[in-house]
Amino acid sequence: MTISATAAPSAPTQGSAKVPLFMLASAAESSYAPPANASMWRVAAGNLAAGATAGCAVELALYPIDTIKTRLQAMIGGGGFKALMASGGGKGLYAGVWGNLAGVAPASAIFMAFYEPVKQAVQREMPEDRQFMGPVVAGMVAGTASSLIRVPTEVIKQRLQTGEFKGAVTALRTVMAREGVRGLYAGYGAFLLRDLPFDAIEFVAYEQLKKVYGTAIKRELNPGETSIIGAFAGGFTGVITTPLDVLKTRLMTQGASGRYKNLFDATVQIARTEGMGAFMSGWQPRLIWISLGGFVFFPVLEAAKRYYAPK
């Protein structure tokens, strides 16, 4: 989870089959340099607006893939794409999209508020060969802080995607009435367990791929090459963290049924009753979503940076 001060935003992190948080972080720095006399608040506001715009663009473009992933993971007993389509699971693929978009802006604002200060503080204490720890630690801290908004948003979104509710307002009221605040934070531990390793793994994978490729071509990477490398890094990380994503989805969508007591109980029950293969449910749409996310995000981000930047 980081950003590049060279040719294009660097990569690695989150946000529900998420916009990886490294993408939001990359809004803080990019190849575009604002005017030297621009006020800090104006630059920060432009960065935030650009990150929110790009994040919303990814959500709108790829939301149906996320919905399919969620429905596959929520199916007790599995059955794959064939069973999903036979049950009408290919309908209403944009269910919950507006409520989800409403959570993107505040979550990215909280993320931005923590990311850059923490990164700079860590890097000041680290030797040159360990500067990479700045983005990694900052991403984890910022991701944890933003999860206070992202988790309730994710809970409502996934329960709309599975067809339990028909509208975000109804879903929010019902969850609060039946399950209380705790219901809005169902799967919180699984969410962090998925996202924090995701961020670190993706950052390392991205930086190593970028370094190897840069050495081979002996020049700075252009935005297209950066996006492709980010897609590979994100896709790889997305696949290997799918079991954690399955656990998160099951806990968030169980509602008041109490099927799973906690993360450990969910792990044991799924393994016993459905087999280890259930932990990889939805890996194909998850791979597609995260890989394609970079291709949508980065071009929109760069355009948004220029649009919102102080003139």
Protein backbone atom coordinates (compact mmCIF):
# COMPACT_ATOMS: atom_id res chain seq x y z
CA MET A 1 0.00 0.00 0.00
CA THR A 2 1.91 2.99 -1.13
CA ILE A 3 2.35 5.68 -3.66
CA SER A 4 5.00 6.56 -6.12
CA ALA A 5 6.55 9.98 -6.52
CA THR A 6 7.73 9.14 -10.01
CA ALA A 7 5.84 8.39 -13.16
CA ALA A 8 2.60 7.22 -11.65
CA PRO A 9 0.95 6.33 -8.37
CA SER A 10 2.42 3.23 -6.95
CA ALA A 11 0.35 0.53 -5.52
CA PRO A 12 -0.45 -1.56 -2.80
CA THR A 13 -4.06 -1.48 -0.73
CA GLN A 14 -8.80 -1.69 0.22
CA GLY A 15 -12.47 -1.37 0.04
CA SER A 16 -14.98 -4.04 -0.12
CA ALA A 17 -14.27 -6.68 -2.86
CA LYS A 18 -12.90 -3.41 -2.16
CA VAL A 19 -11.08 -0.57 -3.78
CA PRO A 20 -7.64 -1.52 -2.48
CA LEU A 21 -6.54 1.11 0.01
CA PHE A 22 -3.27 1.66 -1.82
CA MET A 23 -5.39 3.20 -4.57
CA LEU A 24 -6.88 5.70 -2.13
CA ALA A 25 -3.42 6.39 -0.74
CA SER A 26 -2.09 7.09 -4.21
CA ALA A 27 -4.41 10.08 -4.41
CA ALA A 28 -2.10 11.80 -1.92
CA GLU A 29 0.79 11.86 -4.37
CA SER A 30 0.94 11.42 -8.12
CA SER A 31 2.82 12.51 -11.17
CA TYR A 32 0.89 15.80 -11.12
CA ALA A 33 2.52 18.55 -9.03
CA PRO A 34 0.23 21.36 -7.80
CA PRO A 35 1.36 25.00 -8.00
CA ALA A 36 4.04 25.92 -5.45
CA ASN A 37 1.85 28.64 -3.91
CA ALA A 38 -1.17 26.38 -3.43
CA SER A 39 -2.46 26.19 0.15
CA MET A 40 -2.16 22.86 1.96
CA TRP A 41 -5.89 22.62 2.64
CA ARG A 42 -6.68 23.16 -1.04
CA VAL A 43 -4.22 20.46 -2.12
CA ALA A 44 -5.60 18.08 0.52
CA ALA A 45 -9.18 18.77 -0.58
CA GLY A 46 -8.24 18.08 -4.19
CA ASN A 47 -6.53 14.82 -3.24
CA LEU A 48 -9.55 13.68 -1.25
CA ALA A 49 -11.99 14.56 -4.02
CA ALA A 50 -9.82 12.79 -6.60
CA GLY A 51 -9.57 9.64 -4.47
CA ALA A 52 -13.32 9.59 -3.85
CA THR A 53 -14.08 10.15 -7.55
CA ALA A 54 -11.77 7.37 -8.67
CA GLY A 55 -13.03 5.02 -5.97
CA CYS A 56 -16.65 5.63 -6.99
CA ALA A 57 -15.72 5.03 -10.63
CA VAL A 58 -14.32 1.60 -9.75
CA GLU A 59 -17.40 0.73 -7.69
CA LEU A 60 -19.81 1.72 -10.45
CA ALA A 61 -17.89 -0.03 -13.20
CA LEU A 62 -17.20 -3.30 -11.40
CA TYR A 63 -19.96 -3.55 -8.81
CA PRO A 64 -21.80 -6.44 -10.57
CA ILE A 65 -18.65 -8.57 -10.27
CA ASP A 66 -18.50 -7.79 -6.55
CA THR A 67 -22.17 -8.77 -6.17
CA ILE A 68 -21.58 -12.13 -7.86
CA LYS A 69 -18.58 -12.74 -5.61
CA THR A 70 -20.60 -11.95 -2.49
CA ARG A 71 -23.48 -14.22 -3.51
CA LEU A 72 -21.15 -17.12 -4.29
CA GLN A 73 -19.45 -16.77 -0.91
CA ALA A 74 -22.74 -16.48 0.98
CA MET A 75 -24.19 -19.70 -0.52
CA ILE A 76 -24.17 -22.35 2.20
CA GLY A 77 -23.07 -25.60 0.60
CA GLY A 78 -21.68 -23.97 -2.50
CA GLY A 79 -22.77 -24.98 -5.96
CA GLY A 80 -20.75 -22.49 -7.96
CA PHE A 81 -21.89 -20.30 -10.84
CA LYS A 82 -24.39 -22.85 -12.16
CA ALA A 83 -26.29 -23.01 -8.88
CA LEU A 84 -26.11 -19.24 -8.51
CA MET A 85 -27.66 -18.59 -11.91
CA ALA A 86 -30.29 -21.33 -11.43
CA SER A 87 -31.46 -19.58 -8.26
CA GLY A 88 -31.74 -16.22 -10.00
CA GLY A 89 -28.47 -14.94 -8.60
CA GLY A 90 -27.66 -13.09 -11.79
CA LYS A 91 -30.39 -10.50 -11.20
CA GLY A 92 -30.12 -7.18 -9.39
CA LEU A 93 -26.35 -6.98 -9.70
CA TYR A 94 -26.32 -3.33 -8.66
CA ALA A 95 -28.24 -3.97 -5.43
CA GLY A 96 -26.85 -1.75 -2.68
CA VAL A 97 -24.54 0.27 -4.91
CA TRP A 98 -25.76 3.73 -3.82
CA GLY A 99 -25.48 2.98 -0.13
CA ASN A 100 -22.01 1.65 -0.75
CA LEU A 101 -20.95 4.76 -2.65
CA ALA A 102 -22.16 6.88 0.27
CA GLY A 103 -19.53 5.20 2.42
CA VAL A 104 -16.63 5.71 0.01
CA ALA A 105 -16.09 9.44 0.65
CA PRO A 106 -15.99 9.43 4.48
CA ALA A 107 -13.92 6.24 4.54
CA SER A 108 -11.37 7.72 2.14
CA ALA A 109 -11.34 10.97 4.17
CA ILE A 110 -10.45 9.12 7.36
CA PHE A 111 -7.88 7.04 5.49
CA MET A 112 -6.21 10.16 4.07
CA ALA A 113 -6.18 11.88 7.45
CA PHE A 114 -4.06 9.09 8.92
CA TYR A 115 -2.01 7.77 6.01
CA GLU A 116 0.40 10.56 5.14
CA PRO A 117 1.26 11.74 8.70
CA VAL A 118 1.90 8.19 9.89
CA LYS A 119 3.97 7.35 6.80
CA GLN A 120 6.20 10.39 7.28
CA ALA A 121 6.60 9.74 11.01
CA VAL A 122 7.66 6.13 10.43
CA GLN A 123 10.05 7.01 7.60
CA ARG A 124 11.78 9.63 9.76
CA GLU A 125 12.70 6.86 12.17
CA MET A 126 13.78 4.32 9.57
CA PRO A 127 17.12 3.97 7.75
CA GLU A 128 17.19 4.29 3.95
CA ASP A 129 16.94 0.58 3.32
CA ARG A 130 13.77 0.30 5.43
CA GLN A 131 11.80 3.25 4.08
CA PHE A 132 9.25 0.81 2.67
CA MET A 133 7.99 0.35 6.23
CA GLY A 134 6.46 3.82 6.11
CA PRO A 135 3.72 3.01 3.59
CA VAL A 136 3.15 -0.45 5.06
CA VAL A 137 2.64 0.75 8.64
CA ALA A 138 0.73 3.85 7.52
CA GLY A 139 -1.57 1.75 5.38
CA MET A 140 -2.38 -0.56 8.28
CA VAL A 141 -3.02 2.30 10.69
CA ALA A 142 -5.12 4.25 8.18
CA GLY A 143 -6.96 1.11 7.11
CA THR A 144 -7.86 0.32 10.71
CA ALA A 145 -9.12 3.86 11.27
CA SER A 146 -11.19 3.93 8.09
CA SER A 147 -12.68 0.53 8.93
CA LEU A 148 -14.96 2.28 11.43
CA ILE A 149 -16.89 3.53 8.39
CA ARG A 150 -16.07 0.81 5.88
CA VAL A 151 -17.30 -2.16 7.93
CA PRO A 152 -20.88 -0.91 8.52
CA THR A 153 -21.01 0.13 4.86
CA GLU A 154 -19.84 -3.33 3.84
CA VAL A 155 -22.35 -5.08 6.10
CA ILE A 156 -25.30 -3.16 4.65
CA LYS A 157 -24.00 -3.54 1.09
CA GLN A 158 -23.54 -7.30 1.31
CA ARG A 159 -26.94 -7.87 2.87
CA LEU A 160 -28.49 -5.89 0.03
CA GLN A 161 -26.44 -7.88 -2.50
CA THR A 162 -27.74 -11.17 -1.13
CA GLY A 163 -31.34 -9.92 -1.41
CA GLU A 164 -32.13 -9.83 2.30
CA PHE A 165 -33.25 -6.19 2.07
CA LYS A 166 -34.49 -4.01 -0.78
CA GLY A 167 -33.09 -0.64 0.28
CA ALA A 168 -30.18 0.76 2.30
CA VAL A 169 -32.37 2.75 4.69
CA THR A 170 -34.56 -0.28 5.42
CA ALA A 171 -31.50 -2.45 5.89
CA LEU A 172 -29.89 0.02 8.30
CA ARG A 173 -33.04 0.42 10.39
CA THR A 174 -33.71 -3.31 10.54
CA VAL A 175 -30.15 -4.26 11.46
CA MET A 176 -30.09 -1.62 14.21
CA ALA A 177 -33.47 -2.76 15.56
CA ARG A 178 -32.71 -6.49 15.52
CA GLU A 179 -28.99 -6.64 16.12
CA GLY A 180 -27.94 -3.24 17.41
CA VAL A 181 -24.62 -1.54 16.71
CA ARG A 182 -22.93 -4.92 17.02
CA GLY A 183 -24.78 -6.05 13.91
CA LEU A 184 -23.27 -3.22 11.89
CA TYR A 185 -19.81 -4.42 12.88
CA ALA A 186 -20.41 -8.11 12.22
CA GLY A 187 -17.27 -9.66 10.77
CA TYR A 188 -15.09 -6.75 11.92
CA GLY A 189 -12.26 -9.02 12.98
CA ALA A 190 -12.41 -10.96 9.72
CA PHE A 191 -12.47 -7.69 7.79
CA LEU A 192 -9.24 -6.51 9.43
CA LEU A 193 -7.71 -9.96 9.14
CA ARG A 194 -8.39 -9.82 5.39
CA ASP A 195 -7.45 -6.24 4.70
CA LEU A 196 -4.32 -5.68 6.76
CA PRO A 197 -2.38 -8.68 5.38
CA PHE A 198 -3.76 -7.83 1.94
CA ASP A 199 -2.24 -4.38 2.11
CA ALA A 200 1.18 -5.58 3.22
CA ILE A 201 1.34 -8.51 0.80
CA GLU A 202 0.17 -6.42 -2.14
CA PHE A 203 2.65 -3.66 -1.37
CA VAL A 204 5.57 -6.06 -1.31
CA ALA A 205 4.40 -7.85 -4.46
CA TYR A 206 3.89 -4.56 -6.30
CA GLU A 207 7.24 -3.09 -5.31
CA GLN A 208 9.15 -6.23 -6.22
CA LEU A 209 7.42 -6.55 -9.61
CA LYS A 210 8.02 -2.87 -10.31
CA LYS A 211 11.67 -3.15 -9.36
CA VAL A 212 12.28 -6.21 -11.56
CA TYR A 213 10.45 -4.71 -14.52
CA GLY A 214 12.13 -1.31 -14.12
CA THR A 215 15.54 -2.95 -14.07
CA ALA A 216 14.73 -4.88 -17.23
CA ILE A 217 13.49 -1.88 -19.24
CA LYS A 218 16.01 0.62 -17.72
CA ARG A 219 13.59 3.57 -17.54
CA GLU A 220 10.71 4.96 -15.51
CA LEU A 221 7.43 3.07 -15.78
CA ASN A 222 4.60 4.77 -17.65
CA PRO A 223 1.05 4.84 -16.19
CA GLY A 224 -0.09 1.91 -18.33
CA GLU A 225 2.78 -0.28 -17.11
CA THR A 226 2.11 0.77 -13.53
CA SER A 227 -1.54 -0.24 -13.87
CA ILE A 228 -0.63 -3.64 -15.31
CA ILE A 229 1.83 -4.34 -12.50
CA GLY A 230 -0.73 -3.17 -9.95
CA ALA A 231 -3.27 -5.51 -11.51
CA PHE A 232 -0.91 -8.48 -11.23
CA ALA A 233 0.00 -7.66 -7.65
CA GLY A 234 -3.64 -7.08 -6.69
CA GLY A 235 -4.87 -10.21 -8.43
CA PHE A 236 -2.23 -12.41 -6.78
CA THR A 237 -2.99 -10.98 -3.35
CA GLY A 238 -6.73 -11.19 -3.94
CA VAL A 239 -6.58 -14.92 -4.66
CA ILE A 240 -4.45 -15.88 -1.67
CA THR A 241 -6.61 -13.83 0.72
CA THR A 242 -9.91 -15.26 -0.58
CA PRO A 243 -10.40 -17.59 2.44
CA LEU A 244 -10.35 -14.54 4.71
CA ASP A 245 -12.82 -12.79 2.40
CA VAL A 246 -15.17 -15.79 2.57
CA LEU A 247 -15.11 -15.72 6.36
CA LYS A 248 -15.81 -11.98 6.35
CA THR A 249 -18.76 -12.42 3.98
CA ARG A 250 -20.29 -15.27 5.99
CA LEU A 251 -20.09 -13.33 9.25
CA MET A 252 -21.44 -10.12 7.72
CA THR A 253 -24.40 -11.78 6.00
CA GLN A 254 -25.55 -14.18 8.73
CA GLY A 255 -27.71 -11.50 10.37
CA ALA A 256 -29.48 -12.47 13.56
CA SER A 257 -29.42 -16.20 12.71
CA GLY A 258 -26.36 -16.75 14.90
CA ARG A 259 -25.09 -19.49 12.60
CA TYR A 260 -21.51 -18.60 13.47
CA LYS A 261 -20.45 -17.48 16.94
CA ASN A 262 -17.18 -15.92 15.89
CA LEU A 263 -14.36 -16.11 13.36
CA PHE A 264 -12.96 -19.37 14.75
CA ASP A 265 -16.38 -21.02 14.89
CA ALA A 266 -17.09 -19.99 11.29
CA THR A 267 -13.78 -21.47 10.18
CA VAL A 268 -14.46 -24.79 11.91
CA GLN A 269 -18.09 -25.07 10.74
CA ILE A 270 -17.30 -24.29 7.12
CA ALA A 271 -14.40 -26.76 7.08
CA ARG A 272 -16.49 -29.54 8.65
CA THR A 273 -19.74 -29.12 6.74
CA GLU A 274 -18.61 -27.80 3.36
CA GLY A 275 -15.00 -28.81 3.00
CA MET A 276 -11.86 -26.75 2.44
CA GLY A 277 -12.92 -25.87 -1.09
CA ALA A 278 -15.60 -23.57 0.33
CA PHE A 279 -12.89 -21.18 1.48
CA MET A 280 -12.08 -20.39 -2.14
CA SER A 281 -15.67 -19.56 -3.11
CA GLY A 282 -15.83 -16.52 -5.35
CA TRP A 283 -12.10 -16.38 -6.06
CA GLN A 284 -12.69 -15.88 -9.80
CA PRO A 285 -14.81 -12.70 -9.53
CA ARG A 286 -12.56 -11.47 -6.72
CA LEU A 287 -9.52 -11.90 -8.97
CA ILE A 288 -11.26 -10.10 -11.85
CA TRP A 289 -12.53 -7.28 -9.63
CA ILE A 290 -9.21 -6.45 -8.02
CA SER A 291 -7.18 -6.90 -11.21
CA LEU A 292 -9.48 -4.71 -13.30
CA GLY A 293 -9.85 -2.17 -10.51
CA GLY A 294 -6.43 -0.70 -11.18
CA PHE A 295 -7.14 -0.25 -14.87
CA VAL A 296 -10.26 1.76 -14.06
CA PHE A 297 -8.90 3.58 -11.03
CA PHE A 298 -5.57 4.98 -12.12
CA PRO A 299 -6.66 6.73 -15.34
CA VAL A 300 -9.64 8.24 -13.53
CA LEU A 301 -7.44 9.23 -10.61
CA GLU A 302 -4.95 11.07 -12.80
CA ALA A 303 -7.72 12.92 -14.63
CA ALA A 304 -9.45 13.77 -11.33
CA LYS A 305 -6.19 15.01 -9.79
CA ARG A 306 -5.82 17.54 -12.59
CA TYR A 307 -9.48 18.53 -12.44
CA TYR A 308 -9.62 19.13 -8.69
CA ALA A 309 -6.09 20.50 -8.24
CA PRO A 310 -5.68 24.20 -7.42
CA LYS A 311 -5.12 26.20 -10.58
